[in-house]
Amino acid sequence: MPDNQDALYLIAYDIANPKRLARIHRALKKHGMQVQYSVFTVVLKRKTLLKILTHISELINKREDDVRCYRLPRSPEIVVLGQQYFSEDVMLFTDGVNRILARHRELIVITTES
């Protein structure tokens, strides 16, 4: 995929120190949508993604923390089981979340009641 095209990425992290955890969370919140406590999705060009990852690399302790970034395929199939989590600052409206994510790709979402 060319560097000038947007792509969908999943970034997950496990940070040992609460202060570093807050910094990583704030850094990712500026660019993506939180889908679980320590998981974000971002739609970015590769160059922007690399800048963000470089910044995160400077914030973490490489011996204690774990940050992973996965590029998702063009047509991911997403299965959601149980209660969906959305942070307090995410406003939901008719098809809001699906529209935000689908601006990049068509998604299949299956939800079940817990």
PDB file of N, CA and C in Angstrom:
ATOM      1  N   MET A   1       0.843  -1.173   0.000  1.00  0.00           N
ATOM      2  CA  MET A   1       0.000   0.000   0.000  1.00  0.00           C
ATOM      3  C   MET A   1       0.888   1.236   0.000  1.00  0.00           C
ATOM      4  N   PRO A   2       0.604   2.191  -0.895  1.00  0.00           N
ATOM      5  CA  PRO A   2       1.403   3.413  -0.940  1.00  0.00           C
ATOM      6  C   PRO A   2       1.298   4.209   0.358  1.00  0.00           C
ATOM      7  N   ASP A   3       2.370   4.926   0.682  1.00  0.00           N
ATOM      8  CA  ASP A   3       2.422   5.699   1.916  1.00  0.00           C
ATOM      9  C   ASP A   3       1.428   6.857   1.953  1.00  0.00           C
ATOM     10  N   ASN A   4       0.923   7.290   0.792  1.00  0.00           N
ATOM     11  CA  ASN A   4       0.022   8.437   0.764  1.00  0.00           C
ATOM     12  C   ASN A   4      -1.454   8.048   0.853  1.00  0.00           C
ATOM     13  N   GLN A   5      -1.763   6.778   1.070  1.00  0.00           N
ATOM     14  CA  GLN A   5      -3.146   6.325   1.212  1.00  0.00           C
ATOM     15  C   GLN A   5      -3.457   6.017   2.666  1.00  0.00           C
ATOM     16  N   ASP A   6      -4.675   6.353   3.080  1.00  0.00           N
ATOM     17  CA  ASP A   6      -5.111   6.020   4.426  1.00  0.00           C
ATOM     18  C   ASP A   6      -5.253   4.515   4.575  1.00  0.00           C
ATOM     19  N   ALA A   7      -4.943   4.033   5.759  1.00  0.00           N
ATOM     20  CA  ALA A   7      -5.123   2.619   6.084  1.00  0.00           C
ATOM     21  C   ALA A   7      -5.676   2.529   7.503  1.00  0.00           C
ATOM     22  N   LEU A   8      -6.318   1.419   7.787  1.00  0.00           N
ATOM     23  CA  LEU A   8      -6.910   1.194   9.108  1.00  0.00           C
ATOM     24  C   LEU A   8      -5.932   0.375   9.943  1.00  0.00           C
ATOM     25  N   TYR A   9      -5.601   0.873  11.128  1.00  0.00           N
ATOM     26  CA  TYR A   9      -4.668   0.201  12.027  1.00  0.00           C
ATOM     27  C   TYR A   9      -5.330  -0.034  13.374  1.00  0.00           C
ATOM     28  N   LEU A  10      -4.910  -1.092  14.028  1.00  0.00           N
ATOM     29  CA  LEU A  10      -5.328  -1.395  15.396  1.00  0.00           C
ATOM     30  C   LEU A  10      -4.088  -1.264  16.259  1.00  0.00           C
ATOM     31  N   ILE A  11      -4.155  -0.443  17.298  1.00  0.00           N
ATOM     32  CA  ILE A  11      -3.027  -0.251  18.209  1.00  0.00           C
ATOM     33  C   ILE A  11      -3.470  -0.682  19.600  1.00  0.00           C
ATOM     34  N   ALA A  12      -2.732  -1.620  20.178  1.00  0.00           N
ATOM     35  CA  ALA A  12      -3.031  -2.128  21.517  1.00  0.00           C
ATOM     36  C   ALA A  12      -1.800  -1.926  22.388  1.00  0.00           C
ATOM     37  N   TYR A  13      -2.038  -1.693  23.672  1.00  0.00           N
ATOM     38  CA  TYR A  13      -0.902  -1.444  24.557  1.00  0.00           C
ATOM     39  C   TYR A  13      -1.154  -1.980  25.951  1.00  0.00           C
ATOM     40  N   ASP A  14      -0.055  -2.345  26.603  1.00  0.00           N
ATOM     41  CA  ASP A  14      -0.048  -2.781  27.998  1.00  0.00           C
ATOM     42  C   ASP A  14       1.099  -2.026  28.652  1.00  0.00           C
ATOM     43  N   ILE A  15       0.763  -1.037  29.456  1.00  0.00           N
ATOM     44  CA  ILE A  15       1.759  -0.132  30.035  1.00  0.00           C
ATOM     45  C   ILE A  15       1.795  -0.338  31.545  1.00  0.00           C
ATOM     46  N   ALA A  16       2.985  -0.567  32.089  1.00  0.00           N
ATOM     47  CA  ALA A  16       3.141  -0.937  33.497  1.00  0.00           C
ATOM     48  C   ALA A  16       2.940   0.235  34.470  1.00  0.00           C
ATOM     49  N   ASN A  17       3.287   1.438  34.064  1.00  0.00           N
ATOM     50  CA  ASN A  17       3.255   2.589  34.957  1.00  0.00           C
ATOM     51  C   ASN A  17       2.043   3.472  34.653  1.00  0.00           C
ATOM     52  N   PRO A  18       1.254   3.839  35.667  1.00  0.00           N
ATOM     53  CA  PRO A  18       0.053   4.647  35.429  1.00  0.00           C
ATOM     54  C   PRO A  18       0.314   5.986  34.723  1.00  0.00           C
ATOM     55  N   LYS A  19       1.421   6.648  35.030  1.00  0.00           N
ATOM     56  CA  LYS A  19       1.726   7.923  34.373  1.00  0.00           C
ATOM     57  C   LYS A  19       2.019   7.723  32.893  1.00  0.00           C
ATOM     58  N   ARG A  20       2.806   6.692  32.579  1.00  0.00           N
ATOM     59  CA  ARG A  20       3.084   6.401  31.169  1.00  0.00           C
ATOM     60  C   ARG A  20       1.804   5.968  30.461  1.00  0.00           C
ATOM     61  N   LEU A  21       0.986   5.187  31.148  1.00  0.00           N
ATOM     62  CA  LEU A  21      -0.287   4.732  30.584  1.00  0.00           C
ATOM     63  C   LEU A  21      -1.143   5.934  30.181  1.00  0.00           C
ATOM     64  N   ALA A  22      -1.238   6.926  31.038  1.00  0.00           N
ATOM     65  CA  ALA A  22      -2.029   8.124  30.743  1.00  0.00           C
ATOM     66  C   ALA A  22      -1.457   8.877  29.546  1.00  0.00           C
ATOM     67  N   ARG A  23      -0.144   8.949  29.451  1.00  0.00           N
ATOM     68  CA  ARG A  23       0.490   9.653  28.322  1.00  0.00           C
ATOM     69  C   ARG A  23       0.211   8.944  26.998  1.00  0.00           C
ATOM     70  N   ILE A  24       0.320   7.620  27.007  1.00  0.00           N
ATOM     71  CA  ILE A  24       0.055   6.846  25.786  1.00  0.00           C
ATOM     72  C   ILE A  24      -1.403   7.001  25.391  1.00  0.00           C
ATOM     73  N   HIS A  25      -2.285   6.908  26.370  1.00  0.00           N
ATOM     74  CA  HIS A  25      -3.716   7.048  26.106  1.00  0.00           C
ATOM     75  C   HIS A  25      -4.013   8.410  25.468  1.00  0.00           C
ATOM     76  N   ARG A  26      -3.464   9.482  26.042  1.00  0.00           N
ATOM     77  CA  ARG A  26      -3.689  10.829  25.493  1.00  0.00           C
ATOM     78  C   ARG A  26      -3.138  10.953  24.073  1.00  0.00           C
ATOM     79  N   ALA A  27      -1.971  10.385  23.833  1.00  0.00           N
ATOM     80  CA  ALA A  27      -1.360  10.469  22.503  1.00  0.00           C
ATOM     81  C   ALA A  27      -2.244   9.783  21.457  1.00  0.00           C
ATOM     82  N   LEU A  28      -2.766   8.619  21.790  1.00  0.00           N
ATOM     83  CA  LEU A  28      -3.593   7.894  20.830  1.00  0.00           C
ATOM     84  C   LEU A  28      -4.986   8.495  20.690  1.00  0.00           C
ATOM     85  N   LYS A  29      -5.490   9.066  21.748  1.00  0.00           N
ATOM     86  CA  LYS A  29      -6.830   9.662  21.727  1.00  0.00           C
ATOM     87  C   LYS A  29      -6.910  10.819  20.729  1.00  0.00           C
ATOM     88  N   LYS A  30      -5.788  11.477  20.484  1.00  0.00           N
ATOM     89  CA  LYS A  30      -5.751  12.587  19.536  1.00  0.00           C
ATOM     90  C   LYS A  30      -5.947  12.116  18.095  1.00  0.00           C
ATOM     91  N   HIS A  31      -5.650  10.845  17.821  1.00  0.00           N
ATOM     92  CA  HIS A  31      -5.619  10.374  16.436  1.00  0.00           C
ATOM     93  C   HIS A  31      -6.613   9.269  16.112  1.00  0.00           C
ATOM     94  N   GLY A  32      -7.165   8.617  17.138  1.00  0.00           N
ATOM     95  CA  GLY A  32      -8.000   7.467  16.843  1.00  0.00           C
ATOM     96  C   GLY A  32      -9.207   7.350  17.735  1.00  0.00           C
ATOM     97  N   MET A  33      -9.872   6.221  17.597  1.00  0.00           N
ATOM     98  CA  MET A  33     -11.055   5.942  18.387  1.00  0.00           C
ATOM     99  C   MET A  33     -10.771   4.769  19.309  1.00  0.00           C
ATOM    100  N   GLN A  34     -11.031   4.964  20.586  1.00  0.00           N
ATOM    101  CA  GLN A  34     -10.813   3.908  21.568  1.00  0.00           C
ATOM    102  C   GLN A  34     -11.936   2.882  21.421  1.00  0.00           C
ATOM    103  N   VAL A  35     -11.554   1.605  21.257  1.00  0.00           N
ATOM    104  CA  VAL A  35     -12.562   0.550  21.132  1.00  0.00           C
ATOM    105  C   VAL A  35     -12.587  -0.369  22.348  1.00  0.00           C
ATOM    106  N   GLN A  36     -11.524  -0.360  23.125  1.00  0.00           N
ATOM    107  CA  GLN A  36     -11.466  -1.029  24.425  1.00  0.00           C
ATOM    108  C   GLN A  36     -10.501  -0.231  25.291  1.00  0.00           C
ATOM    109  N   TYR A  37     -10.348  -0.634  26.555  1.00  0.00           N
ATOM    110  CA  TYR A  37      -9.533   0.163  27.469  1.00  0.00           C
ATOM    111  C   TYR A  37      -8.147   0.487  26.921  1.00  0.00           C
ATOM    112  N   SER A  38      -7.463  -0.463  26.349  1.00  0.00           N
ATOM    113  CA  SER A  38      -6.108  -0.231  25.849  1.00  0.00           C
ATOM    114  C   SER A  38      -5.990  -0.579  24.373  1.00  0.00           C
ATOM    115  N   VAL A  39      -7.046  -0.312  23.626  1.00  0.00           N
ATOM    116  CA  VAL A  39      -7.065  -0.624  22.193  1.00  0.00           C
ATOM    117  C   VAL A  39      -7.703   0.538  21.436  1.00  0.00           C
ATOM    118  N   PHE A  40      -7.004   0.998  20.408  1.00  0.00           N
ATOM    119  CA  PHE A  40      -7.497   2.076  19.554  1.00  0.00           C
ATOM    120  C   PHE A  40      -7.492   1.629  18.103  1.00  0.00           C
ATOM    121  N   THR A  41      -8.406   2.185  17.318  1.00  0.00           N
ATOM    122  CA  THR A  41      -8.318   2.074  15.868  1.00  0.00           C
ATOM    123  C   THR A  41      -7.994   3.465  15.342  1.00  0.00           C
ATOM    124  N   VAL A  42      -7.157   3.511  14.321  1.00  0.00           N
ATOM    125  CA  VAL A  42      -6.796   4.769  13.690  1.00  0.00           C
ATOM    126  C   VAL A  42      -6.832   4.586  12.181  1.00  0.00           C
ATOM    127  N   VAL A  43      -7.222   5.632  11.490  1.00  0.00           N
ATOM    128  CA  VAL A  43      -7.191   5.658  10.028  1.00  0.00           C
ATOM    129  C   VAL A  43      -6.202   6.751   9.661  1.00  0.00           C
ATOM    130  N   LEU A  44      -5.045   6.317   9.150  1.00  0.00           N
ATOM    131  CA  LEU A  44      -3.943   7.257   8.920  1.00  0.00           C
ATOM    132  C   LEU A  44      -3.126   6.864   7.701  1.00  0.00           C
ATOM    133  N   LYS A  45      -2.400   7.841   7.201  1.00  0.00           N
ATOM    134  CA  LYS A  45      -1.367   7.543   6.210  1.00  0.00           C
ATOM    135  C   LYS A  45      -0.167   6.965   6.964  1.00  0.00           C
ATOM    136  N   ARG A  46       0.610   6.130   6.286  1.00  0.00           N
ATOM    137  CA  ARG A  46       1.732   5.443   6.934  1.00  0.00           C
ATOM    138  C   ARG A  46       2.724   6.430   7.560  1.00  0.00           C
ATOM    139  N   LYS A  47       2.990   7.534   6.890  1.00  0.00           N
ATOM    140  CA  LYS A  47       3.942   8.527   7.403  1.00  0.00           C
ATOM    141  C   LYS A  47       3.479   9.084   8.755  1.00  0.00           C
ATOM    142  N   THR A  48       2.187   9.378   8.870  1.00  0.00           N
ATOM    143  CA  THR A  48       1.637   9.880  10.134  1.00  0.00           C
ATOM    144  C   THR A  48       1.702   8.804  11.208  1.00  0.00           C
ATOM    145  N   LEU A  49       1.372   7.564  10.831  1.00  0.00           N
ATOM    146  CA  LEU A  49       1.446   6.457  11.785  1.00  0.00           C
ATOM    147  C   LEU A  49       2.855   6.310  12.342  1.00  0.00           C
ATOM    148  N   LEU A  50       3.859   6.379  11.484  1.00  0.00           N
ATOM    149  CA  LEU A  50       5.241   6.236  11.934  1.00  0.00           C
ATOM    150  C   LEU A  50       5.645   7.354  12.891  1.00  0.00           C
ATOM    151  N   LYS A  51       5.144   8.565  12.673  1.00  0.00           N
ATOM    152  CA  LYS A  51       5.427   9.674  13.594  1.00  0.00           C
ATOM    153  C   LYS A  51       4.815   9.397  14.967  1.00  0.00           C
ATOM    154  N   ILE A  52       3.587   8.900  14.969  1.00  0.00           N
ATOM    155  CA  ILE A  52       2.907   8.590  16.231  1.00  0.00           C
ATOM    156  C   ILE A  52       3.648   7.475  16.969  1.00  0.00           C
ATOM    157  N   LEU A  53       4.035   6.426  16.240  1.00  0.00           N
ATOM    158  CA  LEU A  53       4.736   5.313  16.875  1.00  0.00           C
ATOM    159  C   LEU A  53       6.107   5.733  17.400  1.00  0.00           C
ATOM    160  N   THR A  54       6.767   6.629  16.699  1.00  0.00           N
ATOM    161  CA  THR A  54       8.054   7.152  17.174  1.00  0.00           C
ATOM    162  C   THR A  54       7.843   7.925  18.472  1.00  0.00           C
ATOM    163  N   HIS A  55       6.798   8.736  18.518  1.00  0.00           N
ATOM    164  CA  HIS A  55       6.479   9.488  19.739  1.00  0.00           C
ATOM    165  C   HIS A  55       6.173   8.534  20.896  1.00  0.00           C
ATOM    166  N   ILE A  56       5.369   7.509  20.641  1.00  0.00           N
ATOM    167  CA  ILE A  56       5.028   6.532  21.679  1.00  0.00           C
ATOM    168  C   ILE A  56       6.275   5.799  22.148  1.00  0.00           C
ATOM    169  N   SER A  57       7.160   5.480  21.228  1.00  0.00           N
ATOM    170  CA  SER A  57       8.410   4.797  21.572  1.00  0.00           C
ATOM    171  C   SER A  57       9.241   5.616  22.559  1.00  0.00           C
ATOM    172  N   GLU A  58       9.160   6.939  22.448  1.00  0.00           N
ATOM    173  CA  GLU A  58       9.890   7.819  23.357  1.00  0.00           C
ATOM    174  C   GLU A  58       9.233   7.894  24.739  1.00  0.00           C
ATOM    175  N   LEU A  59       7.945   7.558  24.817  1.00  0.00           N
ATOM    176  CA  LEU A  59       7.208   7.647  26.080  1.00  0.00           C
ATOM    177  C   LEU A  59       7.265   6.373  26.923  1.00  0.00           C
ATOM    178  N   ILE A  60       7.481   5.228  26.282  1.00  0.00           N
ATOM    179  CA  ILE A  60       7.387   3.952  26.998  1.00  0.00           C
ATOM    180  C   ILE A  60       8.724   3.526  27.598  1.00  0.00           C
ATOM    181  N   ASN A  61       8.654   2.580  28.511  1.00  0.00           N
ATOM    182  CA  ASN A  61       9.826   1.885  29.025  1.00  0.00           C
ATOM    183  C   ASN A  61       9.871   0.556  28.272  1.00  0.00           C
ATOM    184  N   LYS A  62      10.843   0.390  27.411  1.00  0.00           N
ATOM    185  CA  LYS A  62      10.882  -0.773  26.521  1.00  0.00           C
ATOM    186  C   LYS A  62      11.062  -2.102  27.248  1.00  0.00           C
ATOM    187  N   ARG A  63      11.486  -2.058  28.515  1.00  0.00           N
ATOM    188  CA  ARG A  63      11.630  -3.299  29.294  1.00  0.00           C
ATOM    189  C   ARG A  63      10.355  -3.667  30.041  1.00  0.00           C
ATOM    190  N   GLU A  64       9.447  -2.701  30.232  1.00  0.00           N
ATOM    191  CA  GLU A  64       8.239  -2.957  31.024  1.00  0.00           C
ATOM    192  C   GLU A  64       6.942  -2.880  30.218  1.00  0.00           C
ATOM    193  N   ASP A  65       6.948  -2.153  29.120  1.00  0.00           N
ATOM    194  CA  ASP A  65       5.719  -1.871  28.385  1.00  0.00           C
ATOM    195  C   ASP A  65       5.664  -2.644  27.066  1.00  0.00           C
ATOM    196  N   ASP A  66       4.447  -2.785  26.557  1.00  0.00           N
ATOM    197  CA  ASP A  66       4.224  -3.508  25.302  1.00  0.00           C
ATOM    198  C   ASP A  66       3.210  -2.727  24.472  1.00  0.00           C
ATOM    199  N   VAL A  67       3.617  -2.283  23.285  1.00  0.00           N
ATOM    200  CA  VAL A  67       2.728  -1.584  22.360  1.00  0.00           C
ATOM    201  C   VAL A  67       2.795  -2.329  21.037  1.00  0.00           C
ATOM    202  N   ARG A  68       1.613  -2.624  20.476  1.00  0.00           N
ATOM    203  CA  ARG A  68       1.559  -3.358  19.213  1.00  0.00           C
ATOM    204  C   ARG A  68       0.651  -2.631  18.241  1.00  0.00           C
ATOM    205  N   CYS A  69       1.059  -2.605  16.971  1.00  0.00           N
ATOM    206  CA  CYS A  69       0.281  -1.967  15.924  1.00  0.00           C
ATOM    207  C   CYS A  69       0.080  -2.966  14.787  1.00  0.00           C
ATOM    208  N   TYR A  70      -1.172  -3.150  14.387  1.00  0.00           N
ATOM    209  CA  TYR A  70      -1.504  -4.095  13.316  1.00  0.00           C
ATOM    210  C   TYR A  70      -2.256  -3.351  12.218  1.00  0.00           C
ATOM    211  N   ARG A  71      -1.811  -3.513  10.994  1.00  0.00           N
ATOM    212  CA  ARG A  71      -2.569  -2.967   9.868  1.00  0.00           C
ATOM    213  C   ARG A  71      -3.677  -3.946   9.546  1.00  0.00           C
ATOM    214  N   LEU A  72      -4.907  -3.464   9.500  1.00  0.00           N
ATOM    215  CA  LEU A  72      -6.043  -4.319   9.223  1.00  0.00           C
ATOM    216  C   LEU A  72      -6.273  -4.403   7.719  1.00  0.00           C
ATOM    217  N   PRO A  73      -6.823  -5.508   7.251  1.00  0.00           N
ATOM    218  CA  PRO A  73      -7.053  -5.662   5.808  1.00  0.00           C
ATOM    219  C   PRO A  73      -8.112  -4.684   5.304  1.00  0.00           C
ATOM    220  N   ARG A  74      -8.194  -4.548   3.991  1.00  0.00           N
ATOM    221  CA  ARG A  74      -9.138  -3.616   3.368  1.00  0.00           C
ATOM    222  C   ARG A  74     -10.582  -3.904   3.761  1.00  0.00           C
ATOM    223  N   SER A  75     -10.946  -5.142   3.878  1.00  0.00           N
ATOM    224  CA  SER A  75     -12.323  -5.508   4.223  1.00  0.00           C
ATOM    225  C   SER A  75     -12.332  -6.408   5.451  1.00  0.00           C
ATOM    226  N   PRO A  76     -12.096  -5.833   6.615  1.00  0.00           N
ATOM    227  CA  PRO A  76     -12.040  -6.678   7.806  1.00  0.00           C
ATOM    228  C   PRO A  76     -13.437  -7.161   8.200  1.00  0.00           C
ATOM    229  N   GLU A  77     -13.489  -8.328   8.756  1.00  0.00           N
ATOM    230  CA  GLU A  77     -14.726  -8.808   9.359  1.00  0.00           C
ATOM    231  C   GLU A  77     -14.563  -8.654  10.855  1.00  0.00           C
ATOM    232  N   ILE A  78     -15.460  -7.907  11.462  1.00  0.00           N
ATOM    233  CA  ILE A  78     -15.348  -7.616  12.881  1.00  0.00           C
ATOM    234  C   ILE A  78     -16.504  -8.268  13.604  1.00  0.00           C
ATOM    235  N   VAL A  79     -16.178  -9.023  14.634  1.00  0.00           N
ATOM    236  CA  VAL A  79     -17.194  -9.663  15.465  1.00  0.00           C
ATOM    237  C   VAL A  79     -17.098  -9.060  16.854  1.00  0.00           C
ATOM    238  N   VAL A  80     -18.194  -8.550  17.372  1.00  0.00           N
ATOM    239  CA  VAL A  80     -18.225  -7.958  18.701  1.00  0.00           C
ATOM    240  C   VAL A  80     -19.120  -8.826  19.565  1.00  0.00           C
ATOM    241  N   LEU A  81     -18.564  -9.356  20.632  1.00  0.00           N
ATOM    242  CA  LEU A  81     -19.329 -10.181  21.561  1.00  0.00           C
ATOM    243  C   LEU A  81     -19.441  -9.457  22.886  1.00  0.00           C
ATOM    244  N   GLY A  82     -20.615  -9.431  23.462  1.00  0.00           N
ATOM    245  CA  GLY A  82     -20.787  -8.779  24.756  1.00  0.00           C
ATOM    246  C   GLY A  82     -20.985  -7.292  24.623  1.00  0.00           C
ATOM    247  N   GLN A  83     -20.785  -6.593  25.715  1.00  0.00           N
ATOM    248  CA  GLN A  83     -21.030  -5.161  25.799  1.00  0.00           C
ATOM    249  C   GLN A  83     -19.942  -4.385  25.095  1.00  0.00           C
ATOM    250  N   GLN A  84     -20.319  -3.459  24.232  1.00  0.00           N
ATOM    251  CA  GLN A  84     -19.347  -2.595  23.585  1.00  0.00           C
ATOM    252  C   GLN A  84     -18.946  -1.486  24.534  1.00  0.00           C
ATOM    253  N   TYR A  85     -17.681  -1.100  24.498  1.00  0.00           N
ATOM    254  CA  TYR A  85     -17.175  -0.034  25.349  1.00  0.00           C
ATOM    255  C   TYR A  85     -16.929   1.206  24.494  1.00  0.00           C
ATOM    256  N   PHE A  86     -17.412   2.330  24.964  1.00  0.00           N
ATOM    257  CA  PHE A  86     -17.107   3.610  24.330  1.00  0.00           C
ATOM    258  C   PHE A  86     -16.754   4.589  25.438  1.00  0.00           C
ATOM    259  N   SER A  87     -15.676   5.327  25.253  1.00  0.00           N
ATOM    260  CA  SER A  87     -15.281   6.292  26.271  1.00  0.00           C
ATOM    261  C   SER A  87     -16.341   7.380  26.375  1.00  0.00           C
ATOM    262  N   GLU A  88     -16.325   8.109  27.481  1.00  0.00           N
ATOM    263  CA  GLU A  88     -17.351   9.105  27.760  1.00  0.00           C
ATOM    264  C   GLU A  88     -17.418  10.210  26.717  1.00  0.00           C
ATOM    265  N   ASP A  89     -16.310  10.486  26.027  1.00  0.00           N
ATOM    266  CA  ASP A  89     -16.331  11.583  25.069  1.00  0.00           C
ATOM    267  C   ASP A  89     -16.750  11.156  23.664  1.00  0.00           C
ATOM    268  N   VAL A  90     -17.130   9.886  23.480  1.00  0.00           N
ATOM    269  CA  VAL A  90     -17.646   9.433  22.195  1.00  0.00           C
ATOM    270  C   VAL A  90     -19.139   9.656  22.189  1.00  0.00           C
ATOM    271  N   MET A  91     -19.611  10.441  21.235  1.00  0.00           N
ATOM    272  CA  MET A  91     -21.042  10.702  21.128  1.00  0.00           C
ATOM    273  C   MET A  91     -21.635   9.743  20.107  1.00  0.00           C
ATOM    274  N   LEU A  92     -22.633   9.014  20.521  1.00  0.00           N
ATOM    275  CA  LEU A  92     -23.288   8.072  19.630  1.00  0.00           C
ATOM    276  C   LEU A  92     -24.583   8.675  19.108  1.00  0.00           C
ATOM    277  N   PHE A  93     -24.786   8.533  17.823  1.00  0.00           N
ATOM    278  CA  PHE A  93     -26.021   8.959  17.198  1.00  0.00           C
ATOM    279  C   PHE A  93     -26.333   7.933  16.132  1.00  0.00           C
ATOM    280  N   THR A  94     -27.432   8.051  15.450  1.00  0.00           N
ATOM    281  CA  THR A  94     -27.858   7.019  14.512  1.00  0.00           C
ATOM    282  C   THR A  94     -26.707   6.575  13.632  1.00  0.00           C
ATOM    283  N   ASP A  95     -26.328   5.340  13.807  1.00  0.00           N
ATOM    284  CA  ASP A  95     -25.267   4.731  13.015  1.00  0.00           C
ATOM    285  C   ASP A  95     -23.934   5.471  13.129  1.00  0.00           C
ATOM    286  N   GLY A  96     -23.742   6.253  14.213  1.00  0.00           N
ATOM    287  CA  GLY A  96     -22.557   7.084  14.351  1.00  0.00           C
ATOM    288  C   GLY A  96     -21.240   6.336  14.309  1.00  0.00           C
ATOM    289  N   VAL A  97     -21.094   5.325  15.163  1.00  0.00           N
ATOM    290  CA  VAL A  97     -19.829   4.600  15.225  1.00  0.00           C
ATOM    291  C   VAL A  97     -19.580   3.853  13.923  1.00  0.00           C
ATOM    292  N   ASN A  98     -20.612   3.198  13.404  1.00  0.00           N
ATOM    293  CA  ASN A  98     -20.437   2.468  12.147  1.00  0.00           C
ATOM    294  C   ASN A  98     -20.047   3.416  11.015  1.00  0.00           C
ATOM    295  N   ARG A  99     -20.625   4.612  11.019  1.00  0.00           N
ATOM    296  CA  ARG A  99     -20.298   5.571   9.974  1.00  0.00           C
ATOM    297  C   ARG A  99     -18.851   6.038  10.099  1.00  0.00           C
ATOM    298  N   ILE A 100     -18.380   6.278  11.325  1.00  0.00           N
ATOM    299  CA  ILE A 100     -16.998   6.707  11.530  1.00  0.00           C
ATOM    300  C   ILE A 100     -16.031   5.643  11.030  1.00  0.00           C
ATOM    301  N   LEU A 101     -16.276   4.400  11.405  1.00  0.00           N
ATOM    302  CA  LEU A 101     -15.380   3.331  10.972  1.00  0.00           C
ATOM    303  C   LEU A 101     -15.537   3.025   9.492  1.00  0.00           C
ATOM    304  N   ALA A 102     -16.760   3.071   8.984  1.00  0.00           N
ATOM    305  CA  ALA A 102     -17.022   2.699   7.602  1.00  0.00           C
ATOM    306  C   ALA A 102     -16.557   3.764   6.620  1.00  0.00           C
ATOM    307  N   ARG A 103     -16.181   4.953   7.124  1.00  0.00           N
ATOM    308  CA  ARG A 103     -15.688   5.952   6.174  1.00  0.00           C
ATOM    309  C   ARG A 103     -14.445   5.428   5.466  1.00  0.00           C
ATOM    310  N   HIS A 104     -13.806   4.449   6.098  1.00  0.00           N
ATOM    311  CA  HIS A 104     -12.601   3.878   5.513  1.00  0.00           C
ATOM    312  C   HIS A 104     -12.889   2.568   4.777  1.00  0.00           C
ATOM    313  N   ARG A 105     -13.668   1.714   5.367  1.00  0.00           N
ATOM    314  CA  ARG A 105     -13.939   0.391   4.795  1.00  0.00           C
ATOM    315  C   ARG A 105     -15.322  -0.080   5.216  1.00  0.00           C
ATOM    316  N   GLU A 106     -15.882  -0.969   4.444  1.00  0.00           N
ATOM    317  CA  GLU A 106     -17.129  -1.603   4.851  1.00  0.00           C
ATOM    318  C   GLU A 106     -16.802  -2.643   5.911  1.00  0.00           C
ATOM    319  N   LEU A 107     -17.594  -2.666   6.962  1.00  0.00           N
ATOM    320  CA  LEU A 107     -17.342  -3.571   8.067  1.00  0.00           C
ATOM    321  C   LEU A 107     -18.555  -4.456   8.293  1.00  0.00           C
ATOM    322  N   ILE A 108     -18.319  -5.658   8.753  1.00  0.00           N
ATOM    323  CA  ILE A 108     -19.390  -6.543   9.186  1.00  0.00           C
ATOM    324  C   ILE A 108     -19.289  -6.603  10.694  1.00  0.00           C
ATOM    325  N   VAL A 109     -20.325  -6.170  11.377  1.00  0.00           N
ATOM    326  CA  VAL A 109     -20.325  -6.166  12.839  1.00  0.00           C
ATOM    327  C   VAL A 109     -21.448  -7.050  13.321  1.00  0.00           C
ATOM    328  N   ILE A 110     -21.119  -8.011  14.157  1.00  0.00           N
ATOM    329  CA  ILE A 110     -22.117  -8.889  14.765  1.00  0.00           C
ATOM    330  C   ILE A 110     -22.057  -8.662  16.263  1.00  0.00           C
ATOM    331  N   THR A 111     -23.176  -8.313  16.873  1.00  0.00           N
ATOM    332  CA  THR A 111     -23.199  -8.108  18.322  1.00  0.00           C
ATOM    333  C   THR A 111     -24.124  -9.119  18.951  1.00  0.00           C
ATOM    334  N   THR A 112     -23.827  -9.494  20.188  1.00  0.00           N
ATOM    335  CA  THR A 112     -24.695 -10.394  20.930  1.00  0.00           C
ATOM    336  C   THR A 112     -24.989  -9.776  22.268  1.00  0.00           C
ATOM    337  N   GLU A 113     -26.121 -10.092  22.809  1.00  0.00           N
ATOM    338  CA  GLU A 113     -26.495  -9.601  24.137  1.00  0.00           C
ATOM    339  C   GLU A 113     -25.806 -10.474  25.178  1.00  0.00           C
ATOM    340  N   SER A 114     -25.371  -9.863  26.295  1.00  0.00           N
ATOM    341  CA  SER A 114     -24.779 -10.652  27.372  1.00  0.00           C
ATOM    342  C   SER A 114     -25.811 -10.939  28.424  1.00  0.00           C
TER     343      SER A 114
END
